[in-house]
């Protein structure tokens, strides 16, 4: 599979088990839209076949589009919160799957210091 084909939108099928457009091992940028309340959001913490919980409905929502992380998606400049306060481990699909914090802003690696 070529690098560009990893990011193409794909049809979700139970036969393949693919729930997201991206099917690689890395963290990517994802676009989300809740099918229930229509809330839309973006996240730089999107992974293959993992969703995030909608803030309103609390249902699991999978990204409809994913692309590589890049400088075109700047992080929030809200200086009133620490990175730990900004990151909601309850909504992160990777944290829920692992059973512990995924490392928040360290590309999925646990902070062992």
C-alpha atoms as a PDB file:
ATOM      1  CA  UNK A   1       0.000   0.000   0.000  1.00  0.00           C
ATOM      2  CA  UNK A   2       1.478   3.348  -0.984  1.00  0.00           C
ATOM      3  CA  UNK A   3       1.727   6.212   1.495  1.00  0.00           C
ATOM      4  CA  UNK A   4      -0.964   8.215  -0.305  1.00  0.00           C
ATOM      5  CA  UNK A   5      -3.373   5.270  -0.421  1.00  0.00           C
ATOM      6  CA  UNK A   6      -3.187   4.998   3.395  1.00  0.00           C
ATOM      7  CA  UNK A   7      -5.106   8.284   3.617  1.00  0.00           C
ATOM      8  CA  UNK A   8      -7.792   7.719   0.991  1.00  0.00           C
ATOM      9  CA  UNK A   9     -11.365   7.513   2.259  1.00  0.00           C
ATOM     10  CA  UNK A  10     -12.446   3.903   2.351  1.00  0.00           C
ATOM     11  CA  UNK A  11     -15.798   2.206   2.747  1.00  0.00           C
ATOM     12  CA  UNK A  12     -16.199   0.766   6.228  1.00  0.00           C
ATOM     13  CA  UNK A  13     -16.964  -2.923   6.034  1.00  0.00           C
ATOM     14  CA  UNK A  14     -17.239  -5.576   8.672  1.00  0.00           C
ATOM     15  CA  UNK A  15     -15.268  -7.937   6.416  1.00  0.00           C
ATOM     16  CA  UNK A  16     -12.149  -5.734   6.474  1.00  0.00           C
ATOM     17  CA  UNK A  17     -12.646  -4.248   9.942  1.00  0.00           C
ATOM     18  CA  UNK A  18     -11.544  -0.820   8.684  1.00  0.00           C
ATOM     19  CA  UNK A  19     -13.399   1.940  10.509  1.00  0.00           C
ATOM     20  CA  UNK A  20     -11.246   4.906   9.466  1.00  0.00           C
ATOM     21  CA  UNK A  21      -9.798   6.217   6.196  1.00  0.00           C
ATOM     22  CA  UNK A  22      -6.199   5.932   7.452  1.00  0.00           C
ATOM     23  CA  UNK A  23      -4.842   2.430   8.069  1.00  0.00           C
ATOM     24  CA  UNK A  24      -1.259   3.078   9.167  1.00  0.00           C
ATOM     25  CA  UNK A  25       0.505   2.884  12.559  1.00  0.00           C
ATOM     26  CA  UNK A  26       1.036   6.623  13.157  1.00  0.00           C
ATOM     27  CA  UNK A  27      -0.955   9.362  14.829  1.00  0.00           C
ATOM     28  CA  UNK A  28      -2.703  11.546  12.243  1.00  0.00           C
ATOM     29  CA  UNK A  29      -4.982  14.583  11.978  1.00  0.00           C
ATOM     30  CA  UNK A  30      -8.673  13.660  11.855  1.00  0.00           C
ATOM     31  CA  UNK A  31     -11.929  15.409  11.002  1.00  0.00           C
ATOM     32  CA  UNK A  32     -14.993  14.235  12.919  1.00  0.00           C
ATOM     33  CA  UNK A  33     -18.765  14.761  12.648  1.00  0.00           C
ATOM     34  CA  UNK A  34     -21.208  13.250  15.113  1.00  0.00           C
ATOM     35  CA  UNK A  35     -23.999  11.461  13.229  1.00  0.00           C
ATOM     36  CA  UNK A  36     -26.421  12.089  16.098  1.00  0.00           C
ATOM     37  CA  UNK A  37     -26.026  15.798  17.021  1.00  0.00           C
ATOM     38  CA  UNK A  38     -23.985  16.933  13.962  1.00  0.00           C
ATOM     39  CA  UNK A  39     -21.203  18.438  16.130  1.00  0.00           C
ATOM     40  CA  UNK A  40     -17.992  18.789  14.084  1.00  0.00           C
ATOM     41  CA  UNK A  41     -14.428  18.911  15.391  1.00  0.00           C
ATOM     42  CA  UNK A  42     -10.783  18.349  14.480  1.00  0.00           C
ATOM     43  CA  UNK A  43      -8.147  16.404  16.374  1.00  0.00           C
ATOM     44  CA  UNK A  44      -4.425  15.884  15.997  1.00  0.00           C
ATOM     45  CA  UNK A  45      -4.828  12.675  18.020  1.00  0.00           C
ATOM     46  CA  UNK A  46      -6.477  10.375  15.531  1.00  0.00           C
ATOM     47  CA  UNK A  47      -5.432   6.772  14.893  1.00  0.00           C
ATOM     48  CA  UNK A  48      -6.401   3.965  12.523  1.00  0.00           C
ATOM     49  CA  UNK A  49      -9.707   2.298  13.493  1.00  0.00           C
ATOM     50  CA  UNK A  50     -10.125   4.403  16.653  1.00  0.00           C
ATOM     51  CA  UNK A  51     -12.728   7.035  17.352  1.00  0.00           C
ATOM     52  CA  UNK A  52     -13.291   9.832  19.862  1.00  0.00           C
ATOM     53  CA  UNK A  53     -16.318  10.499  22.045  1.00  0.00           C
ATOM     54  CA  UNK A  54     -18.632  13.331  21.048  1.00  0.00           C
ATOM     55  CA  UNK A  55     -18.633  16.048  23.738  1.00  0.00           C
ATOM     56  CA  UNK A  56     -22.412  16.442  23.489  1.00  0.00           C
ATOM     57  CA  UNK A  57     -23.747  12.919  22.921  1.00  0.00           C
ATOM     58  CA  UNK A  58     -20.946  10.879  24.479  1.00  0.00           C
ATOM     59  CA  UNK A  59     -21.101   8.419  21.572  1.00  0.00           C
ATOM     60  CA  UNK A  60     -18.045   7.059  19.780  1.00  0.00           C
ATOM     61  CA  UNK A  61     -17.421   8.870  16.488  1.00  0.00           C
ATOM     62  CA  UNK A  62     -14.907   7.747  13.871  1.00  0.00           C
ATOM     63  CA  UNK A  63     -13.135  10.334  11.672  1.00  0.00           C
ATOM     64  CA  UNK A  64     -14.521  10.801   8.182  1.00  0.00           C
ATOM     65  CA  UNK A  65     -11.181  12.164   6.952  1.00  0.00           C
ATOM     66  CA  UNK A  66      -7.594  11.671   8.141  1.00  0.00           C
ATOM     67  CA  UNK A  67      -4.304  13.105   6.922  1.00  0.00           C
ATOM     68  CA  UNK A  68      -0.686  13.305   8.067  1.00  0.00           C
ATOM     69  CA  UNK A  69       0.133  15.691  10.881  1.00  0.00           C
ATOM     70  CA  UNK A  70       1.695  18.880   9.660  1.00  0.00           C
ATOM     71  CA  UNK A  71       2.396  22.472  10.525  1.00  0.00           C
ATOM     72  CA  UNK A  72      -0.799  23.530   8.739  1.00  0.00           C
ATOM     73  CA  UNK A  73      -2.791  22.385  11.798  1.00  0.00           C
ATOM     74  CA  UNK A  74      -1.539  24.631  14.651  1.00  0.00           C
ATOM     75  CA  UNK A  75      -2.139  23.599  18.235  1.00  0.00           C
ATOM     76  CA  UNK A  76      -4.464  25.641  20.425  1.00  0.00           C
ATOM     77  CA  UNK A  77      -2.735  28.612  22.047  1.00  0.00           C
ATOM     78  CA  UNK A  78      -4.857  28.485  25.212  1.00  0.00           C
ATOM     79  CA  UNK A  79      -2.214  29.289  27.838  1.00  0.00           C
ATOM     80  CA  UNK A  80      -4.644  29.015  30.763  1.00  0.00           C
ATOM     81  CA  UNK A  81      -4.462  25.200  30.756  1.00  0.00           C
ATOM     82  CA  UNK A  82      -1.544  22.822  31.062  1.00  0.00           C
ATOM     83  CA  UNK A  83      -1.195  20.107  28.361  1.00  0.00           C
ATOM     84  CA  UNK A  84      -2.464  17.560  30.899  1.00  0.00           C
ATOM     85  CA  UNK A  85      -5.627  19.608  31.455  1.00  0.00           C
ATOM     86  CA  UNK A  86      -6.237  20.035  27.722  1.00  0.00           C
ATOM     87  CA  UNK A  87      -5.973  16.304  26.990  1.00  0.00           C
ATOM     88  CA  UNK A  88      -9.101  14.346  27.905  1.00  0.00           C
ATOM     89  CA  UNK A  89      -8.038  10.724  28.345  1.00  0.00           C
ATOM     90  CA  UNK A  90     -11.679   9.634  28.575  1.00  0.00           C
ATOM     91  CA  UNK A  91     -12.280  10.665  24.951  1.00  0.00           C
ATOM     92  CA  UNK A  92      -9.012   9.387  23.469  1.00  0.00           C
ATOM     93  CA  UNK A  93      -9.520   6.100  21.636  1.00  0.00           C
ATOM     94  CA  UNK A  94      -5.912   5.067  22.135  1.00  0.00           C
ATOM     95  CA  UNK A  95      -5.978   5.772  25.910  1.00  0.00           C
ATOM     96  CA  UNK A  96      -9.198   3.762  26.278  1.00  0.00           C
ATOM     97  CA  UNK A  97      -7.775   0.850  24.270  1.00  0.00           C
ATOM     98  CA  UNK A  98      -4.471   0.821  26.192  1.00  0.00           C
ATOM     99  CA  UNK A  99      -6.054   1.337  29.614  1.00  0.00           C
ATOM    100  CA  UNK A 100      -3.566   4.098  30.491  1.00  0.00           C
ATOM    101  CA  UNK A 101      -2.631   7.542  29.103  1.00  0.00           C
ATOM    102  CA  UNK A 102      -1.143   7.188  25.632  1.00  0.00           C
ATOM    103  CA  UNK A 103       1.437   9.896  26.245  1.00  0.00           C
ATOM    104  CA  UNK A 104      -0.748  12.819  25.186  1.00  0.00           C
ATOM    105  CA  UNK A 105       1.585  15.099  23.220  1.00  0.00           C
ATOM    106  CA  UNK A 106       4.390  12.610  22.668  1.00  0.00           C
ATOM    107  CA  UNK A 107       3.050  10.890  19.558  1.00  0.00           C
ATOM    108  CA  UNK A 108       1.593   7.928  21.405  1.00  0.00           C
ATOM    109  CA  UNK A 109       4.650   7.110  23.516  1.00  0.00           C
ATOM    110  CA  UNK A 110       4.285   6.913  27.290  1.00  0.00           C
ATOM    111  CA  UNK A 111       6.223   9.444  29.306  1.00  0.00           C
ATOM    112  CA  UNK A 112       8.393   7.269  31.550  1.00  0.00           C
ATOM    113  CA  UNK A 113      10.224  10.110  33.324  1.00  0.00           C
END
